[in-house]
């Protein structure tokens, strides 16, 4: 379930934003602040933000001007997880999506309060937290697509829950998109990080 935000509450709590799932596990469900829709900059446009956001289900507005202006843009995120064919890249379980394909479905998210823990850490290429840390969830590293000439831009690396859900909303909109991250070795030692292997991740708190 996610990506963490570096925000603290009175030095005794932490806010965590979770992409790919609308709820924490049952233990933390009562600490959910809000659920919503994962969003980011449009994949085929330059500019706007590079990080992913969790937009709430019930947005509040102040002043606004309807229509297109000179501005940044943000759109809903969708899964680019292919189960077969030459683009086959889906290493995630679909059990939390009733076994249905995640491909091109919108991505849900939740923002949660972790009481009594001042630090949240996302560790790539690990499936266990360090000694003394609490596991919040584990999954696979994800980001925008690499190597396309059709306008894909850099994005934040996030930790996507290993069993994602689909959100309500339109399919196949091609706004913000998300893909698993594969290793490219060379500067990274190839025996440890073989090229083409999907990276794991884990989110820990303390």
C-alpha atoms as a PDB file:
ATOM      1  CA  UNK A   1       0.000   0.000   0.000  1.00  0.00           C
ATOM      2  CA  UNK A   2       2.199   2.844  -0.825  1.00  0.00           C
ATOM      3  CA  UNK A   3       4.313   5.881  -0.536  1.00  0.00           C
ATOM      4  CA  UNK A   4       5.136   7.906   2.586  1.00  0.00           C
ATOM      5  CA  UNK A   5       4.881  11.646   3.107  1.00  0.00           C
ATOM      6  CA  UNK A   6       7.488  13.322   5.272  1.00  0.00           C
ATOM      7  CA  UNK A   7       5.064  15.013   7.631  1.00  0.00           C
ATOM      8  CA  UNK A   8       5.086  14.746  11.421  1.00  0.00           C
ATOM      9  CA  UNK A   9       2.483  15.492  14.091  1.00  0.00           C
ATOM     10  CA  UNK A  10       3.859  16.856  17.380  1.00  0.00           C
ATOM     11  CA  UNK A  11       6.921  14.565  17.007  1.00  0.00           C
ATOM     12  CA  UNK A  12       4.910  11.541  18.160  1.00  0.00           C
ATOM     13  CA  UNK A  13       3.028  10.468  15.045  1.00  0.00           C
ATOM     14  CA  UNK A  14       3.418  10.097  11.318  1.00  0.00           C
ATOM     15  CA  UNK A  15       1.231  10.612   8.280  1.00  0.00           C
ATOM     16  CA  UNK A  16       1.566   7.963   5.593  1.00  0.00           C
ATOM     17  CA  UNK A  17       0.067   8.086   2.112  1.00  0.00           C
ATOM     18  CA  UNK A  18      -0.658   4.660   0.667  1.00  0.00           C
ATOM     19  CA  UNK A  19      -1.018   4.109  -3.054  1.00  0.00           C
ATOM     20  CA  UNK A  20      -2.755   1.018  -4.434  1.00  0.00           C
ATOM     21  CA  UNK A  21      -4.988   0.282  -1.462  1.00  0.00           C
ATOM     22  CA  UNK A  22      -7.866   2.158   0.144  1.00  0.00           C
ATOM     23  CA  UNK A  23      -7.379   0.727   3.659  1.00  0.00           C
ATOM     24  CA  UNK A  24      -4.572  -0.188   5.975  1.00  0.00           C
ATOM     25  CA  UNK A  25      -4.655  -3.673   7.425  1.00  0.00           C
ATOM     26  CA  UNK A  26      -7.350  -4.140  10.088  1.00  0.00           C
ATOM     27  CA  UNK A  27      -4.918  -3.151  12.842  1.00  0.00           C
ATOM     28  CA  UNK A  28      -4.554   0.372  11.448  1.00  0.00           C
ATOM     29  CA  UNK A  29      -7.935   0.812   9.751  1.00  0.00           C
ATOM     30  CA  UNK A  30      -9.243   3.029  12.546  1.00  0.00           C
ATOM     31  CA  UNK A  31      -6.290   5.397  11.930  1.00  0.00           C
ATOM     32  CA  UNK A  32      -7.209   6.126   8.308  1.00  0.00           C
ATOM     33  CA  UNK A  33      -7.594   9.897   7.776  1.00  0.00           C
ATOM     34  CA  UNK A  34      -9.104   9.684   4.323  1.00  0.00           C
ATOM     35  CA  UNK A  35      -9.306   7.510   1.225  1.00  0.00           C
ATOM     36  CA  UNK A  36      -9.072   8.775  -2.298  1.00  0.00           C
ATOM     37  CA  UNK A  37      -7.553   8.566  -5.735  1.00  0.00           C
ATOM     38  CA  UNK A  38      -3.857   8.315  -6.606  1.00  0.00           C
ATOM     39  CA  UNK A  39      -2.854  11.068  -9.031  1.00  0.00           C
ATOM     40  CA  UNK A  40       0.151  12.600 -10.733  1.00  0.00           C
ATOM     41  CA  UNK A  41       1.387  14.615 -13.675  1.00  0.00           C
ATOM     42  CA  UNK A  42       0.197  13.524 -17.119  1.00  0.00           C
ATOM     43  CA  UNK A  43       2.614  10.942 -18.498  1.00  0.00           C
ATOM     44  CA  UNK A  44       2.886  12.538 -21.950  1.00  0.00           C
ATOM     45  CA  UNK A  45       3.365  16.143 -20.799  1.00  0.00           C
ATOM     46  CA  UNK A  46       6.452  17.925 -19.476  1.00  0.00           C
ATOM     47  CA  UNK A  47       6.277  20.039 -16.339  1.00  0.00           C
ATOM     48  CA  UNK A  48       3.863  19.832 -13.392  1.00  0.00           C
ATOM     49  CA  UNK A  49       4.842  17.865 -10.287  1.00  0.00           C
ATOM     50  CA  UNK A  50       7.055  14.787 -10.337  1.00  0.00           C
ATOM     51  CA  UNK A  51       5.668  13.237  -7.156  1.00  0.00           C
ATOM     52  CA  UNK A  52       2.449  11.246  -6.767  1.00  0.00           C
ATOM     53  CA  UNK A  53      -0.407  12.498  -4.593  1.00  0.00           C
ATOM     54  CA  UNK A  54      -3.427  11.001  -2.818  1.00  0.00           C
ATOM     55  CA  UNK A  55      -6.427  13.185  -3.724  1.00  0.00           C
ATOM     56  CA  UNK A  56      -9.374  12.814  -1.293  1.00  0.00           C
ATOM     57  CA  UNK A  57     -12.783  11.453  -2.286  1.00  0.00           C
ATOM     58  CA  UNK A  58     -14.443  14.695  -1.112  1.00  0.00           C
ATOM     59  CA  UNK A  59     -12.370  17.640  -2.465  1.00  0.00           C
ATOM     60  CA  UNK A  60     -12.880  21.161  -1.123  1.00  0.00           C
ATOM     61  CA  UNK A  61     -12.469  24.229  -3.335  1.00  0.00           C
ATOM     62  CA  UNK A  62     -11.623  27.908  -2.858  1.00  0.00           C
ATOM     63  CA  UNK A  63     -11.333  30.360  -5.782  1.00  0.00           C
ATOM     64  CA  UNK A  64     -11.215  28.738  -9.204  1.00  0.00           C
ATOM     65  CA  UNK A  65     -11.544  29.551 -12.907  1.00  0.00           C
ATOM     66  CA  UNK A  66     -13.340  26.951 -15.017  1.00  0.00           C
ATOM     67  CA  UNK A  67     -11.695  25.843 -18.240  1.00  0.00           C
ATOM     68  CA  UNK A  68      -8.094  25.384 -19.376  1.00  0.00           C
ATOM     69  CA  UNK A  69      -5.596  28.019 -18.257  1.00  0.00           C
ATOM     70  CA  UNK A  70      -1.794  28.290 -18.215  1.00  0.00           C
ATOM     71  CA  UNK A  71      -1.165  25.971 -15.280  1.00  0.00           C
ATOM     72  CA  UNK A  72       0.195  22.701 -14.036  1.00  0.00           C
ATOM     73  CA  UNK A  73      -1.925  19.592 -14.435  1.00  0.00           C
ATOM     74  CA  UNK A  74      -2.691  16.505 -12.380  1.00  0.00           C
ATOM     75  CA  UNK A  75      -4.639  13.437 -13.454  1.00  0.00           C
ATOM     76  CA  UNK A  76      -5.769  10.146 -12.025  1.00  0.00           C
ATOM     77  CA  UNK A  77      -3.237   7.331 -12.011  1.00  0.00           C
ATOM     78  CA  UNK A  78      -3.898   3.977 -13.663  1.00  0.00           C
ATOM     79  CA  UNK A  79      -2.115   0.650 -13.552  1.00  0.00           C
ATOM     80  CA  UNK A  80       0.001  -0.369 -16.544  1.00  0.00           C
ATOM     81  CA  UNK A  81       0.305  -4.008 -15.465  1.00  0.00           C
ATOM     82  CA  UNK A  82       0.202  -6.458 -18.360  1.00  0.00           C
ATOM     83  CA  UNK A  83      -0.591 -10.120 -17.639  1.00  0.00           C
ATOM     84  CA  UNK A  84       0.626 -11.479 -20.982  1.00  0.00           C
ATOM     85  CA  UNK A  85       2.188 -10.617 -24.312  1.00  0.00           C
ATOM     86  CA  UNK A  86       5.414  -8.796 -25.127  1.00  0.00           C
ATOM     87  CA  UNK A  87       4.753  -6.192 -22.404  1.00  0.00           C
ATOM     88  CA  UNK A  88       4.144  -8.795 -19.678  1.00  0.00           C
ATOM     89  CA  UNK A  89       5.284  -7.078 -16.458  1.00  0.00           C
ATOM     90  CA  UNK A  90       2.692  -7.848 -13.754  1.00  0.00           C
ATOM     91  CA  UNK A  91       4.367  -9.300 -10.669  1.00  0.00           C
ATOM     92  CA  UNK A  92       1.518  -8.239  -8.343  1.00  0.00           C
ATOM     93  CA  UNK A  93      -1.213 -10.384  -6.809  1.00  0.00           C
ATOM     94  CA  UNK A  94      -4.748  -9.510  -7.956  1.00  0.00           C
ATOM     95  CA  UNK A  95      -6.458 -11.157  -4.963  1.00  0.00           C
ATOM     96  CA  UNK A  96      -7.513  -7.787  -3.482  1.00  0.00           C
ATOM     97  CA  UNK A  97      -9.152  -6.924  -6.817  1.00  0.00           C
ATOM     98  CA  UNK A  98     -11.377 -10.045  -6.757  1.00  0.00           C
ATOM     99  CA  UNK A  99      -8.933 -11.735  -9.112  1.00  0.00           C
ATOM    100  CA  UNK A 100      -9.778  -9.281 -11.895  1.00  0.00           C
ATOM    101  CA  UNK A 101      -7.006  -7.750 -14.040  1.00  0.00           C
ATOM    102  CA  UNK A 102      -5.617  -4.467 -12.720  1.00  0.00           C
ATOM    103  CA  UNK A 103      -4.482  -3.266 -16.160  1.00  0.00           C
ATOM    104  CA  UNK A 104      -5.673   0.286 -16.972  1.00  0.00           C
ATOM    105  CA  UNK A 105      -7.826   0.529 -13.837  1.00  0.00           C
ATOM    106  CA  UNK A 106      -7.632   3.627 -11.580  1.00  0.00           C
ATOM    107  CA  UNK A 107      -5.388   3.414  -8.491  1.00  0.00           C
ATOM    108  CA  UNK A 108      -6.923   4.024  -5.026  1.00  0.00           C
ATOM    109  CA  UNK A 109      -5.039   5.382  -2.031  1.00  0.00           C
ATOM    110  CA  UNK A 110      -5.420   6.202   1.666  1.00  0.00           C
ATOM    111  CA  UNK A 111      -3.727   8.633   4.048  1.00  0.00           C
ATOM    112  CA  UNK A 112      -3.255   7.203   7.528  1.00  0.00           C
ATOM    113  CA  UNK A 113      -2.099   8.337  10.968  1.00  0.00           C
ATOM    114  CA  UNK A 114       0.449   6.123  12.690  1.00  0.00           C
ATOM    115  CA  UNK A 115       0.269   6.900  16.399  1.00  0.00           C
ATOM    116  CA  UNK A 116       3.436   6.909  18.472  1.00  0.00           C
ATOM    117  CA  UNK A 117       5.834   6.520  15.541  1.00  0.00           C
ATOM    118  CA  UNK A 118       7.882   9.488  14.382  1.00  0.00           C
ATOM    119  CA  UNK A 119       9.603   7.951  11.349  1.00  0.00           C
ATOM    120  CA  UNK A 120       8.428   6.077   8.282  1.00  0.00           C
ATOM    121  CA  UNK A 121      10.971   4.627   5.881  1.00  0.00           C
ATOM    122  CA  UNK A 122      10.547   3.075   2.432  1.00  0.00           C
ATOM    123  CA  UNK A 123      13.395   0.645   1.673  1.00  0.00           C
ATOM    124  CA  UNK A 124      13.818  -0.620  -1.918  1.00  0.00           C
ATOM    125  CA  UNK A 125      15.131  -4.113  -2.633  1.00  0.00           C
ATOM    126  CA  UNK A 126      14.155  -5.397   0.826  1.00  0.00           C
ATOM    127  CA  UNK A 127      11.285  -7.582   2.059  1.00  0.00           C
ATOM    128  CA  UNK A 128      12.027  -7.285   5.793  1.00  0.00           C
ATOM    129  CA  UNK A 129      12.343  -4.231   8.038  1.00  0.00           C
ATOM    130  CA  UNK A 130      15.485  -3.637  10.130  1.00  0.00           C
ATOM    131  CA  UNK A 131      15.478  -5.010  13.669  1.00  0.00           C
ATOM    132  CA  UNK A 132      13.354  -2.852  15.957  1.00  0.00           C
ATOM    133  CA  UNK A 133      11.185  -1.452  13.132  1.00  0.00           C
ATOM    134  CA  UNK A 134       7.514  -2.265  12.412  1.00  0.00           C
ATOM    135  CA  UNK A 135       6.417  -3.465   8.984  1.00  0.00           C
ATOM    136  CA  UNK A 136       3.537  -1.406   7.543  1.00  0.00           C
ATOM    137  CA  UNK A 137       3.347  -3.208   4.190  1.00  0.00           C
ATOM    138  CA  UNK A 138       5.518  -4.624   1.410  1.00  0.00           C
ATOM    139  CA  UNK A 139       5.334  -4.714  -2.353  1.00  0.00           C
ATOM    140  CA  UNK A 140       7.218  -3.690  -5.462  1.00  0.00           C
ATOM    141  CA  UNK A 141       8.897  -0.456  -6.492  1.00  0.00           C
ATOM    142  CA  UNK A 142       6.918   1.477  -9.123  1.00  0.00           C
ATOM    143  CA  UNK A 143       7.318   4.617 -11.230  1.00  0.00           C
ATOM    144  CA  UNK A 144       6.632   6.121 -14.636  1.00  0.00           C
ATOM    145  CA  UNK A 145       7.736   4.242 -17.757  1.00  0.00           C
ATOM    146  CA  UNK A 146      11.337   4.522 -18.983  1.00  0.00           C
ATOM    147  CA  UNK A 147      12.673   4.672 -22.511  1.00  0.00           C
ATOM    148  CA  UNK A 148       9.712   6.005 -24.470  1.00  0.00           C
ATOM    149  CA  UNK A 149       9.875   8.792 -27.028  1.00  0.00           C
ATOM    150  CA  UNK A 150       6.173   9.547 -26.567  1.00  0.00           C
ATOM    151  CA  UNK A 151       6.598  11.986 -23.695  1.00  0.00           C
ATOM    152  CA  UNK A 152       6.902   9.926 -20.503  1.00  0.00           C
ATOM    153  CA  UNK A 153       8.461  12.044 -17.745  1.00  0.00           C
ATOM    154  CA  UNK A 154      10.336  11.296 -14.531  1.00  0.00           C
ATOM    155  CA  UNK A 155       8.254  10.556 -11.437  1.00  0.00           C
ATOM    156  CA  UNK A 156       8.815   9.639  -7.813  1.00  0.00           C
ATOM    157  CA  UNK A 157       9.654   6.037  -7.002  1.00  0.00           C
ATOM    158  CA  UNK A 158       6.915   4.631  -4.788  1.00  0.00           C
ATOM    159  CA  UNK A 159       6.311   1.351  -2.980  1.00  0.00           C
ATOM    160  CA  UNK A 160       3.162  -0.192  -4.468  1.00  0.00           C
ATOM    161  CA  UNK A 161       1.361  -2.770  -2.313  1.00  0.00           C
ATOM    162  CA  UNK A 162       1.996  -6.339  -3.475  1.00  0.00           C
ATOM    163  CA  UNK A 163      -1.773  -6.953  -3.835  1.00  0.00           C
ATOM    164  CA  UNK A 164      -3.222  -3.717  -5.272  1.00  0.00           C
ATOM    165  CA  UNK A 165      -6.884  -2.770  -5.667  1.00  0.00           C
ATOM    166  CA  UNK A 166      -8.653  -0.879  -8.449  1.00  0.00           C
ATOM    167  CA  UNK A 167     -10.512   2.353  -7.691  1.00  0.00           C
ATOM    168  CA  UNK A 168     -13.819   3.498  -9.140  1.00  0.00           C
ATOM    169  CA  UNK A 169     -13.465   5.768 -12.162  1.00  0.00           C
ATOM    170  CA  UNK A 170     -12.848   5.595 -15.878  1.00  0.00           C
ATOM    171  CA  UNK A 171     -10.541   2.910 -17.308  1.00  0.00           C
ATOM    172  CA  UNK A 172      -7.822   3.447 -19.905  1.00  0.00           C
ATOM    173  CA  UNK A 173      -7.690   7.245 -19.625  1.00  0.00           C
ATOM    174  CA  UNK A 174      -3.884   7.439 -20.110  1.00  0.00           C
ATOM    175  CA  UNK A 175      -3.342  10.347 -17.736  1.00  0.00           C
ATOM    176  CA  UNK A 176      -0.902   9.522 -14.923  1.00  0.00           C
ATOM    177  CA  UNK A 177       0.368   5.951 -15.264  1.00  0.00           C
ATOM    178  CA  UNK A 178       2.386   3.573 -13.108  1.00  0.00           C
ATOM    179  CA  UNK A 179       4.691   0.653 -13.977  1.00  0.00           C
ATOM    180  CA  UNK A 180       6.853  -1.796 -12.019  1.00  0.00           C
ATOM    181  CA  UNK A 181      10.533  -0.787 -11.786  1.00  0.00           C
ATOM    182  CA  UNK A 182      13.209  -3.091 -13.203  1.00  0.00           C
ATOM    183  CA  UNK A 183      16.920  -2.994 -12.375  1.00  0.00           C
ATOM    184  CA  UNK A 184      19.559  -1.994 -14.913  1.00  0.00           C
ATOM    185  CA  UNK A 185      22.981  -3.160 -13.792  1.00  0.00           C
ATOM    186  CA  UNK A 186      26.363  -1.771 -14.768  1.00  0.00           C
ATOM    187  CA  UNK A 187      27.140   0.857 -12.151  1.00  0.00           C
ATOM    188  CA  UNK A 188      25.068  -1.436  -9.924  1.00  0.00           C
ATOM    189  CA  UNK A 189      26.864  -4.791  -9.561  1.00  0.00           C
ATOM    190  CA  UNK A 190      25.182  -7.264 -11.926  1.00  0.00           C
ATOM    191  CA  UNK A 191      25.510 -10.343  -9.687  1.00  0.00           C
ATOM    192  CA  UNK A 192      23.529  -8.525  -6.978  1.00  0.00           C
ATOM    193  CA  UNK A 193      21.153  -6.552  -9.226  1.00  0.00           C
ATOM    194  CA  UNK A 194      20.489  -8.501 -12.443  1.00  0.00           C
ATOM    195  CA  UNK A 195      19.174  -6.382 -15.316  1.00  0.00           C
ATOM    196  CA  UNK A 196      15.426  -6.780 -15.905  1.00  0.00           C
ATOM    197  CA  UNK A 197      14.486  -7.989 -12.418  1.00  0.00           C
ATOM    198  CA  UNK A 198      11.574  -6.243 -10.657  1.00  0.00           C
ATOM    199  CA  UNK A 199      12.601  -4.596  -7.379  1.00  0.00           C
ATOM    200  CA  UNK A 200      10.828  -5.322  -4.115  1.00  0.00           C
ATOM    201  CA  UNK A 201      10.224  -2.712  -1.403  1.00  0.00           C
ATOM    202  CA  UNK A 202       8.985  -2.456   2.151  1.00  0.00           C
ATOM    203  CA  UNK A 203       7.629   0.395   4.283  1.00  0.00           C
ATOM    204  CA  UNK A 204       8.724   0.431   7.916  1.00  0.00           C
ATOM    205  CA  UNK A 205       7.962   2.668  10.884  1.00  0.00           C
ATOM    206  CA  UNK A 206       9.465   3.349  14.288  1.00  0.00           C
END
